[in-house]
């Protein structure tokens, strides 16, 4: 059995750092590719307000609206977008009847 030497740990640390840099570069290149494939639109850089209404689905629909709200919030955080809840009306089961939220795609 080979004894572990300090050089092995150094090489492993360098490889891990290089892997992290490569993964970040891959993400950057994927975003660049996606932007180059999609046609440019004037509205791409504008902020927007999204309203998700529970409608006539009752309490289940309000829970679903809350799930949609939380998904968009996490998606915004992941992409470094500003996310702001404008107006939220809760249902009896703590779901959202009419959540309104605003996104700023230019970052936080």
Protein backbone atom coordinates (compact mmCIF):
# COMPACT_ATOMS: atom_id res chain seq x y z
CA UNK A 1 0.00 0.00 0.00
CA UNK A 2 1.35 3.40 -0.94
CA UNK A 3 1.79 6.00 1.73
CA UNK A 4 0.07 9.30 1.05
CA UNK A 5 2.58 12.07 0.50
CA UNK A 6 2.11 15.86 0.66
CA UNK A 7 2.64 16.18 -3.11
CA UNK A 8 -0.43 14.00 -3.71
CA UNK A 9 -2.57 16.36 -1.65
CA UNK A 10 -1.16 19.39 -3.49
CA UNK A 11 -1.87 17.81 -6.87
CA UNK A 12 -5.40 16.90 -5.76
CA UNK A 13 -6.02 20.47 -4.52
CA UNK A 14 -4.78 21.91 -7.82
CA UNK A 15 -6.99 19.51 -9.77
CA UNK A 16 -10.04 20.47 -7.70
CA UNK A 17 -9.38 24.18 -8.27
CA UNK A 18 -8.98 23.59 -11.99
CA UNK A 19 -12.22 21.59 -12.05
CA UNK A 20 -14.11 24.43 -10.35
CA UNK A 21 -12.72 26.96 -12.85
CA UNK A 22 -13.60 24.67 -15.75
CA UNK A 23 -17.18 24.25 -14.49
CA UNK A 24 -17.59 28.03 -14.13
CA UNK A 25 -16.23 28.54 -17.63
CA UNK A 26 -18.60 25.88 -18.98
CA UNK A 27 -21.57 27.66 -17.40
CA UNK A 28 -20.43 31.00 -18.85
CA UNK A 29 -20.01 29.48 -22.32
CA UNK A 30 -23.41 27.76 -22.16
CA UNK A 31 -25.06 31.10 -21.33
CA UNK A 32 -23.16 32.80 -24.14
CA UNK A 33 -24.22 30.09 -26.59
CA UNK A 34 -27.85 30.32 -25.52
CA UNK A 35 -27.84 34.10 -25.91
CA UNK A 36 -26.30 33.83 -29.36
CA UNK A 37 -28.93 31.30 -30.52
CA UNK A 38 -31.96 33.28 -29.34
CA UNK A 39 -33.08 36.25 -31.44
CA UNK A 40 -32.59 39.63 -29.75
CA UNK A 41 -35.73 41.43 -28.60
CA UNK A 42 -36.05 44.94 -27.17
CA UNK A 43 -38.00 43.55 -24.21
CA UNK A 44 -35.19 41.19 -23.20
CA UNK A 45 -33.54 43.67 -20.85
CA UNK A 46 -36.70 45.16 -19.35
CA UNK A 47 -38.03 44.46 -15.89
CA UNK A 48 -41.37 42.74 -15.70
CA UNK A 49 -44.16 42.00 -13.26
CA UNK A 50 -45.67 38.54 -13.17
CA UNK A 51 -49.01 37.72 -11.60
CA UNK A 52 -50.00 34.13 -10.86
CA UNK A 53 -53.67 33.79 -9.94
CA UNK A 54 -55.14 30.78 -8.20
CA UNK A 55 -58.35 31.32 -10.15
CA UNK A 56 -61.24 28.98 -9.45
CA UNK A 57 -59.11 26.04 -8.29
CA UNK A 58 -59.70 26.64 -4.61
CA UNK A 59 -57.10 25.94 -1.93
CA UNK A 60 -55.11 23.50 -4.08
CA UNK A 61 -54.72 26.17 -6.75
CA UNK A 62 -53.49 28.67 -4.16
CA UNK A 63 -50.87 26.16 -2.98
CA UNK A 64 -49.82 25.66 -6.60
CA UNK A 65 -49.57 29.45 -7.09
CA UNK A 66 -47.33 29.58 -4.02
CA UNK A 67 -45.12 26.82 -5.52
CA UNK A 68 -44.83 28.78 -8.78
CA UNK A 69 -43.94 31.91 -6.81
CA UNK A 70 -41.19 30.13 -4.86
CA UNK A 71 -39.81 28.49 -8.01
CA UNK A 72 -39.50 31.86 -9.75
CA UNK A 73 -37.91 33.35 -6.64
CA UNK A 74 -35.24 30.62 -6.50
CA UNK A 75 -34.68 30.87 -10.25
CA UNK A 76 -34.13 34.62 -9.90
CA UNK A 77 -31.68 34.14 -7.05
CA UNK A 78 -29.76 31.52 -9.01
CA UNK A 79 -29.41 33.93 -11.95
CA UNK A 80 -28.54 36.95 -9.76
CA UNK A 81 -31.70 38.80 -10.72
CA UNK A 82 -33.47 41.23 -8.44
CA UNK A 83 -36.71 39.68 -7.20
CA UNK A 84 -39.33 41.62 -5.30
CA UNK A 85 -42.73 40.52 -4.04
CA UNK A 86 -45.10 43.34 -4.96
CA UNK A 87 -48.35 42.03 -3.49
CA UNK A 88 -49.32 38.70 -1.96
CA UNK A 89 -52.78 37.65 -0.79
CA UNK A 90 -52.64 34.46 1.30
CA UNK A 91 -55.33 31.79 1.34
CA UNK A 92 -56.63 29.96 4.41
CA UNK A 93 -54.09 27.14 3.92
CA UNK A 94 -51.22 29.63 3.61
CA UNK A 95 -51.13 29.33 -0.15
CA UNK A 96 -51.12 32.41 -2.37
CA UNK A 97 -54.33 33.56 -4.04
CA UNK A 98 -52.81 36.34 -6.15
CA UNK A 99 -49.05 36.72 -5.85
CA UNK A 100 -47.50 39.56 -7.86
CA UNK A 101 -43.76 39.79 -8.18
CA UNK A 102 -41.32 41.94 -10.09
CA UNK A 103 -38.05 40.86 -11.72
CA UNK A 104 -35.11 42.97 -12.68
CA UNK A 105 -32.89 41.03 -15.06
CA UNK A 106 -30.02 43.46 -14.71
CA UNK A 107 -28.95 41.98 -11.39
CA UNK A 108 -29.36 42.75 -7.74
